[in-house]
Amino acid sequence: MTINKALLALALGFALAACSNQQQAENAAADAADAAADAATEATEAAGTATEATAQTAADEAAAAADAAADAAADAAAATTSEAADAAADTAENMEDAAQDAEDAAEEANP
């Protein structure tokens, strides 16, 4: 019976880790989407200025990063191993960082 309990505890641990990675990836995707929306606002506000193209490029980059983060969150949810879920969550966080960097660039481009 103790071996069964140990295996059950191990399985529960893996399930909790997968849920944690999925939540981490979903949070990163949501933050990336927020950054992309903010970058789009900055680009709209920069319309008609000399930095319009720079702000729009940054907004486009933020939107692409947000899309990639959302894809990574879906990958984390569908992952069948903890390693795959970890990798997808890491990708989502990297894309969140990229979206936030692009948002910062759009803000800097907006006079």
Protein backbone atom coordinates (compact mmCIF):
# COMPACT_ATOMS: atom_id res chain seq x y z
CA MET A 1 0.00 0.00 0.00
CA THR A 2 2.84 2.44 0.67
CA ILE A 3 4.13 2.11 -2.90
CA ASN A 4 0.66 2.98 -4.22
CA LYS A 5 0.51 6.01 -1.95
CA ALA A 6 3.94 7.10 -3.10
CA LEU A 7 2.95 6.77 -6.74
CA LEU A 8 -0.27 8.67 -6.09
CA ALA A 9 1.65 11.46 -4.37
CA LEU A 10 4.06 11.61 -7.29
CA ALA A 11 1.22 11.80 -9.80
CA LEU A 12 -0.46 14.57 -7.80
CA GLY A 13 2.83 16.46 -7.70
CA PHE A 14 3.13 16.30 -11.47
CA ALA A 15 -0.46 17.43 -11.88
CA LEU A 16 0.06 20.39 -9.57
CA ALA A 17 3.23 21.38 -11.40
CA ALA A 18 1.42 21.25 -14.73
CA CYS A 19 -1.39 23.43 -13.37
CA SER A 20 1.13 25.89 -11.99
CA ASN A 21 2.89 26.12 -15.36
CA GLN A 22 -0.41 26.58 -17.14
CA GLN A 23 -1.43 29.38 -14.78
CA GLN A 24 2.00 30.99 -15.12
CA ALA A 25 1.70 30.91 -18.91
CA GLU A 26 -1.86 32.25 -18.85
CA ASN A 27 -0.81 35.14 -16.60
CA ALA A 28 2.12 35.95 -18.89
CA ALA A 29 -0.17 35.90 -21.93
CA ALA A 30 -2.63 38.24 -20.23
CA ASP A 31 0.14 40.65 -19.27
CA ALA A 32 1.52 40.52 -22.81
CA ALA A 33 -1.93 41.33 -24.19
CA ASP A 34 -2.16 44.32 -21.83
CA ALA A 35 1.25 45.54 -22.98
CA ALA A 36 0.20 45.17 -26.61
CA ALA A 37 -2.98 47.17 -25.98
CA ASP A 38 -0.97 49.91 -24.28
CA ALA A 39 1.50 49.96 -27.17
CA ALA A 40 -1.38 50.27 -29.64
CA THR A 41 -2.71 53.23 -27.67
CA GLU A 42 0.71 54.87 -27.77
CA ALA A 43 0.89 54.29 -31.53
CA THR A 44 -2.54 55.84 -32.00
CA GLU A 45 -1.51 58.87 -29.96
CA ALA A 46 1.66 59.21 -32.05
CA ALA A 47 -0.34 59.34 -35.30
CA GLY A 48 0.57 62.35 -37.36
CA THR A 49 3.90 62.89 -35.62
CA ALA A 50 7.42 62.27 -36.85
CA THR A 51 7.64 59.15 -34.66
CA GLU A 52 4.41 57.58 -35.87
CA ALA A 53 6.15 54.80 -37.81
CA THR A 54 8.41 53.92 -34.88
CA ALA A 55 5.50 53.74 -32.46
CA GLN A 56 3.45 51.63 -34.90
CA THR A 57 6.35 49.23 -35.43
CA ALA A 58 6.68 48.82 -31.66
CA ALA A 59 2.93 48.24 -31.34
CA ASP A 60 3.07 45.60 -34.07
CA GLU A 61 5.97 43.88 -32.29
CA ALA A 62 4.01 43.92 -29.02
CA ALA A 63 0.98 42.41 -30.72
CA ALA A 64 3.10 39.65 -32.26
CA ALA A 65 4.66 38.90 -28.87
CA ALA A 66 1.22 38.78 -27.25
CA ASP A 67 0.05 36.32 -29.91
CA ALA A 68 3.11 34.15 -29.29
CA ALA A 69 2.49 34.27 -25.53
CA ALA A 70 -1.11 33.17 -26.06
CA ASP A 71 0.10 30.29 -28.23
CA ALA A 72 2.59 29.31 -25.54
CA ALA A 73 -0.16 29.38 -22.91
CA ALA A 74 -2.20 27.02 -25.08
CA ASP A 75 0.86 24.79 -25.44
CA ALA A 76 1.31 24.74 -21.65
CA ALA A 77 -2.32 23.72 -21.23
CA ALA A 78 -1.92 20.91 -23.76
CA ALA A 79 1.48 19.74 -22.53
CA THR A 80 1.68 16.08 -21.62
CA THR A 81 4.94 16.33 -19.66
CA SER A 82 6.11 18.72 -16.99
CA GLU A 83 9.15 19.56 -19.13
CA ALA A 84 6.96 20.63 -22.03
CA ALA A 85 4.76 22.68 -19.72
CA ASP A 86 7.85 24.34 -18.22
CA ALA A 87 9.18 25.19 -21.67
CA ALA A 88 5.85 26.62 -22.79
CA ALA A 89 5.53 28.69 -19.60
CA ASP A 90 9.07 30.01 -20.11
CA THR A 91 8.24 30.92 -23.69
CA ALA A 92 5.12 32.76 -22.55
CA GLU A 93 7.13 34.73 -20.02
CA ASN A 94 9.77 35.58 -22.63
CA MET A 95 7.05 36.82 -24.96
CA GLU A 96 5.56 38.87 -22.11
CA ASP A 97 8.97 40.52 -21.65
CA ALA A 98 9.19 41.19 -25.39
CA ALA A 99 5.72 42.75 -25.42
CA GLN A 100 6.60 44.97 -22.48
CA ASP A 101 9.84 46.04 -24.16
CA ALA A 102 7.88 46.92 -27.29
CA GLU A 103 5.36 48.85 -25.19
CA ASP A 104 8.25 50.83 -23.68
CA ALA A 105 9.58 51.55 -27.17
CA ALA A 106 6.15 52.78 -28.27
CA GLU A 107 5.95 55.05 -25.23
CA GLU A 108 9.38 56.47 -25.99
CA ALA A 109 8.38 57.09 -29.59
CA ASN A 110 5.29 59.02 -28.56
CA PRO A 111 6.29 62.66 -28.05
